[in-house]
Amino acid sequence: MHTTTVETLTLAGAKLAAEAALAAAADEGLAVCVAVVNATGNLVLVHRMDNVVEIALDNSIAKAQAALMFKRDTGALSDYFQTDESLGPPMTARHHILAVEGGEPLVTSAGAIVGGLGISGAKHAEDVVCSQAAAAAFKAAT
């Protein structure tokens, strides 16, 4: 066989994850941008909270795509890049890879990676609280 079927995120699934991230941000008193991409890395939705810094839009998309492409959270991706100095700079120089905390692959309860989510706008340690809440809510709902 020379084809495969790709399981991907629906708009409803993207909304579920984004709403969990926004709720976590509100609970922490944060202003963030949430980006969700599908299994092919295409943007499904973006939510920008009021008063979020402008760069958060690009950063959230880059985190979502990086988490999807490398099939790991972007904090772990940062650690991975730091283990080999020859690997990190060439990869992170690409415009769609941001290897800092706040990006998560969206994984179903069956273990399929169907998209990625990125949070930006707060400190990285705060972004990751929101991204982890979103990923957990998505997994629990699938």
N, C-alpha and C. Protein backbone atom coordinates (compact mmCIF):
# COMPACT_ATOMS: atom_id res chain seq x y z
N MET A 1 0.85 -1.18 0.00
CA MET A 1 0.00 0.00 0.00
C MET A 1 0.89 1.24 0.00
N HIS A 2 0.49 2.26 -0.75
CA HIS A 2 1.30 3.46 -0.90
C HIS A 2 0.63 4.72 -0.38
N THR A 3 -0.37 4.55 0.47
CA THR A 3 -1.05 5.70 1.05
C THR A 3 -1.27 5.47 2.53
N THR A 4 -1.63 6.53 3.21
CA THR A 4 -1.96 6.43 4.62
C THR A 4 -3.09 7.41 4.92
N THR A 5 -3.80 7.16 5.95
CA THR A 5 -4.86 8.04 6.39
C THR A 5 -4.33 8.88 7.54
N VAL A 6 -4.57 10.17 7.47
CA VAL A 6 -4.10 11.09 8.51
C VAL A 6 -5.29 11.48 9.37
N GLU A 7 -5.19 11.21 10.66
CA GLU A 7 -6.21 11.65 11.61
C GLU A 7 -5.87 13.07 12.00
N THR A 8 -6.84 13.97 11.90
CA THR A 8 -6.55 15.37 12.19
C THR A 8 -7.61 15.99 13.08
N LEU A 9 -7.27 17.12 13.59
CA LEU A 9 -8.09 17.89 14.50
C LEU A 9 -9.29 18.50 13.77
N THR A 10 -10.42 18.56 14.44
CA THR A 10 -11.58 19.28 13.92
C THR A 10 -11.60 20.69 14.52
N LEU A 11 -12.43 21.54 13.96
CA LEU A 11 -12.60 22.88 14.52
C LEU A 11 -13.13 22.77 15.95
N ALA A 12 -14.05 21.86 16.19
CA ALA A 12 -14.58 21.67 17.55
C ALA A 12 -13.47 21.28 18.52
N GLY A 13 -12.57 20.40 18.09
CA GLY A 13 -11.46 20.01 18.94
C GLY A 13 -10.50 21.16 19.20
N ALA A 14 -10.26 21.97 18.17
CA ALA A 14 -9.39 23.14 18.33
C ALA A 14 -10.01 24.13 19.31
N LYS A 15 -11.33 24.33 19.19
CA LYS A 15 -12.02 25.25 20.11
C LYS A 15 -11.95 24.74 21.54
N LEU A 16 -12.12 23.43 21.73
CA LEU A 16 -12.06 22.85 23.07
C LEU A 16 -10.69 23.12 23.71
N ALA A 17 -9.63 22.86 22.96
CA ALA A 17 -8.28 23.09 23.48
C ALA A 17 -8.04 24.56 23.76
N ALA A 18 -8.44 25.42 22.83
CA ALA A 18 -8.23 26.86 23.01
C ALA A 18 -8.99 27.40 24.21
N GLU A 19 -10.21 26.94 24.38
CA GLU A 19 -11.01 27.41 25.52
C GLU A 19 -10.39 26.99 26.85
N ALA A 20 -9.81 25.80 26.90
CA ALA A 20 -9.13 25.36 28.12
C ALA A 20 -7.90 26.24 28.39
N ALA A 21 -7.18 26.58 27.33
CA ALA A 21 -6.01 27.45 27.50
C ALA A 21 -6.41 28.84 27.97
N LEU A 22 -7.47 29.39 27.37
CA LEU A 22 -7.94 30.72 27.76
C LEU A 22 -8.44 30.74 29.20
N ALA A 23 -9.10 29.67 29.61
CA ALA A 23 -9.58 29.58 31.00
C ALA A 23 -8.41 29.53 31.97
N ALA A 24 -7.38 28.76 31.62
CA ALA A 24 -6.18 28.70 32.48
C ALA A 24 -5.51 30.06 32.55
N ALA A 25 -5.43 30.76 31.43
CA ALA A 25 -4.81 32.09 31.41
C ALA A 25 -5.62 33.06 32.28
N ALA A 26 -6.93 33.03 32.15
CA ALA A 26 -7.78 33.91 32.95
C ALA A 26 -7.62 33.62 34.44
N ASP A 27 -7.55 32.33 34.79
CA ASP A 27 -7.35 31.95 36.19
C ASP A 27 -6.04 32.49 36.74
N GLU A 28 -5.03 32.59 35.90
CA GLU A 28 -3.70 33.07 36.32
C GLU A 28 -3.55 34.58 36.16
N GLY A 29 -4.57 35.23 35.59
CA GLY A 29 -4.50 36.67 35.37
C GLY A 29 -3.56 37.04 34.23
N LEU A 30 -3.47 36.18 33.22
CA LEU A 30 -2.55 36.38 32.11
C LEU A 30 -3.28 36.82 30.84
N ALA A 31 -2.58 37.52 29.97
CA ALA A 31 -3.07 37.83 28.62
C ALA A 31 -2.19 37.06 27.66
N VAL A 32 -2.80 36.15 26.89
CA VAL A 32 -2.04 35.30 25.98
C VAL A 32 -2.72 35.22 24.62
N CYS A 33 -1.96 34.69 23.68
CA CYS A 33 -2.48 34.34 22.37
C CYS A 33 -2.40 32.82 22.26
N VAL A 34 -3.45 32.21 21.75
CA VAL A 34 -3.53 30.76 21.58
C VAL A 34 -3.64 30.46 20.09
N ALA A 35 -2.75 29.62 19.59
CA ALA A 35 -2.83 29.18 18.19
C ALA A 35 -2.96 27.67 18.16
N VAL A 36 -3.81 27.17 17.27
CA VAL A 36 -4.01 25.73 17.11
C VAL A 36 -3.84 25.38 15.64
N VAL A 37 -2.99 24.38 15.38
CA VAL A 37 -2.78 23.89 14.02
C VAL A 37 -3.26 22.45 13.92
N ASN A 38 -3.62 22.04 12.70
CA ASN A 38 -4.08 20.67 12.50
C ASN A 38 -2.89 19.74 12.22
N ALA A 39 -3.16 18.50 11.88
CA ALA A 39 -2.11 17.50 11.72
C ALA A 39 -1.16 17.79 10.57
N THR A 40 -1.55 18.67 9.66
CA THR A 40 -0.66 19.04 8.56
C THR A 40 0.04 20.37 8.82
N GLY A 41 -0.16 20.93 10.01
CA GLY A 41 0.52 22.16 10.40
C GLY A 41 -0.19 23.43 9.97
N ASN A 42 -1.39 23.29 9.43
CA ASN A 42 -2.14 24.48 9.00
C ASN A 42 -2.95 25.05 10.15
N LEU A 43 -2.99 26.36 10.22
CA LEU A 43 -3.69 27.06 11.27
C LEU A 43 -5.19 26.78 11.22
N VAL A 44 -5.75 26.38 12.37
CA VAL A 44 -7.18 26.14 12.48
C VAL A 44 -7.85 27.33 13.16
N LEU A 45 -7.25 27.81 14.23
CA LEU A 45 -7.80 28.99 14.89
C LEU A 45 -6.76 29.70 15.72
N VAL A 46 -7.03 30.97 15.97
CA VAL A 46 -6.22 31.80 16.86
C VAL A 46 -7.17 32.60 17.73
N HIS A 47 -6.85 32.66 19.01
CA HIS A 47 -7.55 33.55 19.93
C HIS A 47 -6.52 34.47 20.56
N ARG A 48 -6.76 35.75 20.46
CA ARG A 48 -5.88 36.74 21.10
C ARG A 48 -6.66 37.43 22.20
N MET A 49 -6.16 37.30 23.42
CA MET A 49 -6.81 37.99 24.53
C MET A 49 -6.50 39.48 24.45
N ASP A 50 -7.32 40.28 25.06
CA ASP A 50 -7.09 41.72 25.09
C ASP A 50 -5.76 42.01 25.79
N ASN A 51 -5.08 43.01 25.30
CA ASN A 51 -3.84 43.53 25.89
C ASN A 51 -2.65 42.58 25.81
N VAL A 52 -2.70 41.58 24.93
CA VAL A 52 -1.55 40.69 24.76
C VAL A 52 -0.52 41.41 23.89
N VAL A 53 0.74 41.13 24.12
CA VAL A 53 1.80 41.76 23.32
C VAL A 53 1.69 41.31 21.87
N GLU A 54 2.07 42.17 20.94
CA GLU A 54 1.89 41.91 19.51
C GLU A 54 2.65 40.68 19.01
N ILE A 55 3.85 40.46 19.49
CA ILE A 55 4.68 39.34 19.01
C ILE A 55 4.08 37.99 19.39
N ALA A 56 3.14 37.99 20.32
CA ALA A 56 2.55 36.74 20.78
C ALA A 56 1.85 35.96 19.66
N LEU A 57 1.31 36.66 18.68
CA LEU A 57 0.63 35.97 17.59
C LEU A 57 1.61 35.07 16.83
N ASP A 58 2.69 35.65 16.34
CA ASP A 58 3.68 34.86 15.60
C ASP A 58 4.29 33.77 16.47
N ASN A 59 4.57 34.10 17.72
CA ASN A 59 5.20 33.12 18.61
C ASN A 59 4.28 31.94 18.91
N SER A 60 3.00 32.19 19.10
CA SER A 60 2.09 31.09 19.41
C SER A 60 1.96 30.15 18.22
N ILE A 61 1.93 30.69 17.02
CA ILE A 61 1.85 29.84 15.82
C ILE A 61 3.13 29.02 15.68
N ALA A 62 4.29 29.64 15.90
CA ALA A 62 5.56 28.93 15.79
C ALA A 62 5.68 27.82 16.84
N LYS A 63 5.18 28.06 18.03
CA LYS A 63 5.21 27.02 19.06
C LYS A 63 4.29 25.86 18.70
N ALA A 64 3.10 26.18 18.19
CA ALA A 64 2.15 25.12 17.80
C ALA A 64 2.74 24.25 16.69
N GLN A 65 3.33 24.88 15.69
CA GLN A 65 3.91 24.12 14.58
C GLN A 65 5.13 23.31 15.03
N ALA A 66 5.95 23.87 15.89
CA ALA A 66 7.13 23.14 16.38
C ALA A 66 6.70 21.91 17.19
N ALA A 67 5.71 22.07 18.06
CA ALA A 67 5.24 20.94 18.87
C ALA A 67 4.70 19.83 17.97
N LEU A 68 3.99 20.20 16.93
CA LEU A 68 3.47 19.21 15.99
C LEU A 68 4.59 18.53 15.22
N MET A 69 5.48 19.33 14.62
CA MET A 69 6.52 18.77 13.76
C MET A 69 7.49 17.85 14.49
N PHE A 70 7.80 18.19 15.74
CA PHE A 70 8.75 17.39 16.49
C PHE A 70 8.07 16.41 17.45
N LYS A 71 6.74 16.44 17.47
CA LYS A 71 5.95 15.50 18.27
C LYS A 71 6.35 15.49 19.75
N ARG A 72 6.58 16.69 20.27
CA ARG A 72 6.91 16.84 21.69
C ARG A 72 6.62 18.27 22.12
N ASP A 73 6.51 18.46 23.42
CA ASP A 73 6.28 19.82 23.90
C ASP A 73 7.52 20.66 23.63
N THR A 74 7.33 21.95 23.48
CA THR A 74 8.44 22.81 23.06
C THR A 74 9.47 23.05 24.16
N GLY A 75 9.11 22.83 25.40
CA GLY A 75 10.11 22.88 26.47
C GLY A 75 11.09 21.72 26.33
N ALA A 76 10.55 20.53 26.08
CA ALA A 76 11.41 19.35 25.84
C ALA A 76 12.20 19.53 24.56
N LEU A 77 11.62 20.18 23.57
CA LEU A 77 12.32 20.44 22.32
C LEU A 77 13.52 21.36 22.57
N SER A 78 13.35 22.35 23.39
CA SER A 78 14.46 23.24 23.75
C SER A 78 15.59 22.46 24.39
N ASP A 79 15.24 21.58 25.33
CA ASP A 79 16.25 20.73 25.99
C ASP A 79 16.95 19.85 24.96
N TYR A 80 16.20 19.31 24.02
CA TYR A 80 16.74 18.45 22.97
C TYR A 80 17.76 19.20 22.11
N PHE A 81 17.39 20.42 21.71
CA PHE A 81 18.29 21.21 20.89
C PHE A 81 19.57 21.59 21.64
N GLN A 82 19.47 21.77 22.95
CA GLN A 82 20.64 22.16 23.73
C GLN A 82 21.62 21.01 23.93
N THR A 83 21.19 19.78 23.71
CA THR A 83 22.11 18.64 23.87
C THR A 83 23.09 18.54 22.72
N ASP A 84 22.80 19.18 21.61
CA ASP A 84 23.69 19.16 20.44
C ASP A 84 23.70 20.56 19.85
N GLU A 85 24.75 21.32 20.12
CA GLU A 85 24.81 22.70 19.67
C GLU A 85 24.73 22.84 18.16
N SER A 86 25.10 21.80 17.42
CA SER A 86 25.04 21.89 15.96
C SER A 86 23.61 21.74 15.46
N LEU A 87 22.72 21.22 16.28
CA LEU A 87 21.34 20.99 15.86
C LEU A 87 20.46 22.20 16.11
N GLY A 88 20.57 22.80 17.29
CA GLY A 88 19.67 23.88 17.68
C GLY A 88 19.64 25.07 16.75
N PRO A 89 20.76 25.76 16.51
CA PRO A 89 20.71 26.97 15.68
C PRO A 89 20.15 26.76 14.27
N PRO A 90 20.53 25.71 13.54
CA PRO A 90 19.93 25.57 12.21
C PRO A 90 18.42 25.34 12.25
N MET A 91 17.95 24.63 13.25
CA MET A 91 16.52 24.35 13.33
C MET A 91 15.73 25.56 13.82
N THR A 92 16.22 26.24 14.83
CA THR A 92 15.48 27.36 15.40
C THR A 92 15.58 28.61 14.53
N ALA A 93 16.47 28.62 13.56
CA ALA A 93 16.55 29.75 12.63
C ALA A 93 15.38 29.75 11.65
N ARG A 94 14.71 28.62 11.54
CA ARG A 94 13.54 28.53 10.65
C ARG A 94 12.40 29.32 11.30
N HIS A 95 11.65 30.04 10.52
CA HIS A 95 10.64 30.96 11.06
C HIS A 95 9.50 30.26 11.79
N HIS A 96 9.27 29.01 11.56
CA HIS A 96 8.12 28.35 12.16
C HIS A 96 8.50 27.39 13.29
N ILE A 97 9.68 27.56 13.86
CA ILE A 97 10.08 26.74 14.99
C ILE A 97 10.48 27.65 16.14
N LEU A 98 9.76 27.54 17.24
CA LEU A 98 10.11 28.28 18.45
C LEU A 98 10.21 27.26 19.58
N ALA A 99 11.42 27.00 20.01
CA ALA A 99 11.67 25.95 20.99
C ALA A 99 11.82 26.54 22.39
N VAL A 100 10.72 27.07 22.91
CA VAL A 100 10.63 27.51 24.30
C VAL A 100 9.27 27.03 24.83
N GLU A 101 9.12 26.99 26.11
CA GLU A 101 7.90 26.45 26.71
C GLU A 101 6.65 27.15 26.19
N GLY A 102 5.57 26.36 26.07
CA GLY A 102 4.28 26.91 25.67
C GLY A 102 3.67 26.24 24.47
N GLY A 103 4.33 25.25 23.90
CA GLY A 103 3.78 24.51 22.77
C GLY A 103 3.57 23.06 23.15
N GLU A 104 2.46 22.49 22.71
CA GLU A 104 2.14 21.09 23.02
C GLU A 104 1.56 20.41 21.79
N PRO A 105 1.95 19.17 21.53
CA PRO A 105 1.21 18.41 20.53
C PRO A 105 -0.16 18.08 21.10
N LEU A 106 -1.16 18.05 20.26
CA LEU A 106 -2.50 17.65 20.71
C LEU A 106 -2.67 16.18 20.40
N VAL A 107 -2.81 15.40 21.46
CA VAL A 107 -2.80 13.94 21.37
C VAL A 107 -4.15 13.41 21.86
N THR A 108 -4.73 12.49 21.10
CA THR A 108 -5.98 11.87 21.51
C THR A 108 -5.71 10.86 22.63
N SER A 109 -6.77 10.41 23.28
CA SER A 109 -6.62 9.41 24.33
C SER A 109 -6.08 8.10 23.76
N ALA A 110 -6.23 7.88 22.45
CA ALA A 110 -5.68 6.69 21.80
C ALA A 110 -4.22 6.86 21.39
N GLY A 111 -3.68 8.05 21.59
CA GLY A 111 -2.26 8.29 21.32
C GLY A 111 -1.95 8.89 19.96
N ALA A 112 -2.95 9.29 19.19
CA ALA A 112 -2.71 9.89 17.87
C ALA A 112 -2.43 11.38 18.02
N ILE A 113 -1.38 11.86 17.39
CA ILE A 113 -1.09 13.29 17.37
C ILE A 113 -1.88 13.89 16.21
N VAL A 114 -2.84 14.76 16.54
CA VAL A 114 -3.76 15.28 15.54
C VAL A 114 -3.62 16.79 15.32
N GLY A 115 -2.69 17.40 16.02
CA GLY A 115 -2.48 18.84 15.87
C GLY A 115 -1.47 19.34 16.87
N GLY A 116 -1.36 20.66 16.94
CA GLY A 116 -0.45 21.29 17.89
C GLY A 116 -1.07 22.57 18.40
N LEU A 117 -0.65 22.97 19.60
CA LEU A 117 -1.17 24.17 20.23
C LEU A 117 0.00 24.99 20.75
N GLY A 118 -0.07 26.30 20.56
CA GLY A 118 0.97 27.18 21.09
C GLY A 118 0.36 28.32 21.87
N ILE A 119 1.01 28.67 22.97
CA ILE A 119 0.60 29.78 23.82
C ILE A 119 1.76 30.75 23.91
N SER A 120 1.48 32.04 23.77
CA SER A 120 2.51 33.05 23.94
C SER A 120 1.86 34.32 24.48
N GLY A 121 2.66 35.10 25.17
CA GLY A 121 2.18 36.37 25.67
C GLY A 121 2.56 36.63 27.12
N ALA A 122 2.85 35.57 27.84
CA ALA A 122 3.28 35.70 29.23
C ALA A 122 4.72 35.19 29.32
N LYS A 123 5.22 35.00 30.52
CA LYS A 123 6.53 34.37 30.68
C LYS A 123 6.40 32.92 30.23
N HIS A 124 7.50 32.34 29.74
CA HIS A 124 7.44 30.97 29.24
C HIS A 124 6.89 30.00 30.29
N ALA A 125 7.29 30.17 31.53
CA ALA A 125 6.81 29.29 32.61
C ALA A 125 5.31 29.46 32.84
N GLU A 126 4.75 30.61 32.47
CA GLU A 126 3.31 30.82 32.58
C GLU A 126 2.59 30.31 31.32
N ASP A 127 3.22 30.50 30.16
CA ASP A 127 2.64 29.98 28.92
C ASP A 127 2.42 28.47 29.03
N VAL A 128 3.39 27.78 29.60
CA VAL A 128 3.32 26.32 29.66
C VAL A 128 2.19 25.84 30.57
N VAL A 129 1.85 26.59 31.57
CA VAL A 129 0.71 26.22 32.43
C VAL A 129 -0.56 26.17 31.57
N CYS A 130 -0.70 27.15 30.70
CA CYS A 130 -1.89 27.22 29.83
C CYS A 130 -1.85 26.13 28.76
N SER A 131 -0.68 25.90 28.17
CA SER A 131 -0.60 24.90 27.11
C SER A 131 -0.83 23.49 27.65
N GLN A 132 -0.32 23.21 28.84
CA GLN A 132 -0.53 21.90 29.44
C GLN A 132 -1.99 21.68 29.80
N ALA A 133 -2.65 22.72 30.29
CA ALA A 133 -4.07 22.60 30.61
C ALA A 133 -4.88 22.31 29.35
N ALA A 134 -4.52 22.97 28.26
CA ALA A 134 -5.22 22.74 26.99
C ALA A 134 -5.01 21.32 26.47
N ALA A 135 -3.76 20.87 26.49
CA ALA A 135 -3.46 19.52 26.00
C ALA A 135 -4.16 18.46 26.84
N ALA A 136 -4.19 18.66 28.14
CA ALA A 136 -4.86 17.69 29.03
C ALA A 136 -6.36 17.67 28.78
N ALA A 137 -6.96 18.84 28.62
CA ALA A 137 -8.40 18.90 28.36
C ALA A 137 -8.75 18.25 27.04
N PHE A 138 -7.92 18.48 26.03
CA PHE A 138 -8.17 17.87 24.72
C PHE A 138 -8.09 16.34 24.81
N LYS A 139 -7.04 15.86 25.44
CA LYS A 139 -6.86 14.42 25.55
C LYS A 139 -8.01 13.77 26.32
N ALA A 140 -8.42 14.41 27.40
CA ALA A 140 -9.51 13.86 28.21
C ALA A 140 -10.83 13.81 27.44
N ALA A 141 -11.01 14.72 26.49
CA ALA A 141 -12.27 14.80 25.75
C ALA A 141 -12.32 13.89 24.53
N THR A 142 -11.17 13.30 24.18
CA THR A 142 -11.16 12.49 22.94
C THR A 142 -11.15 11.03 23.24
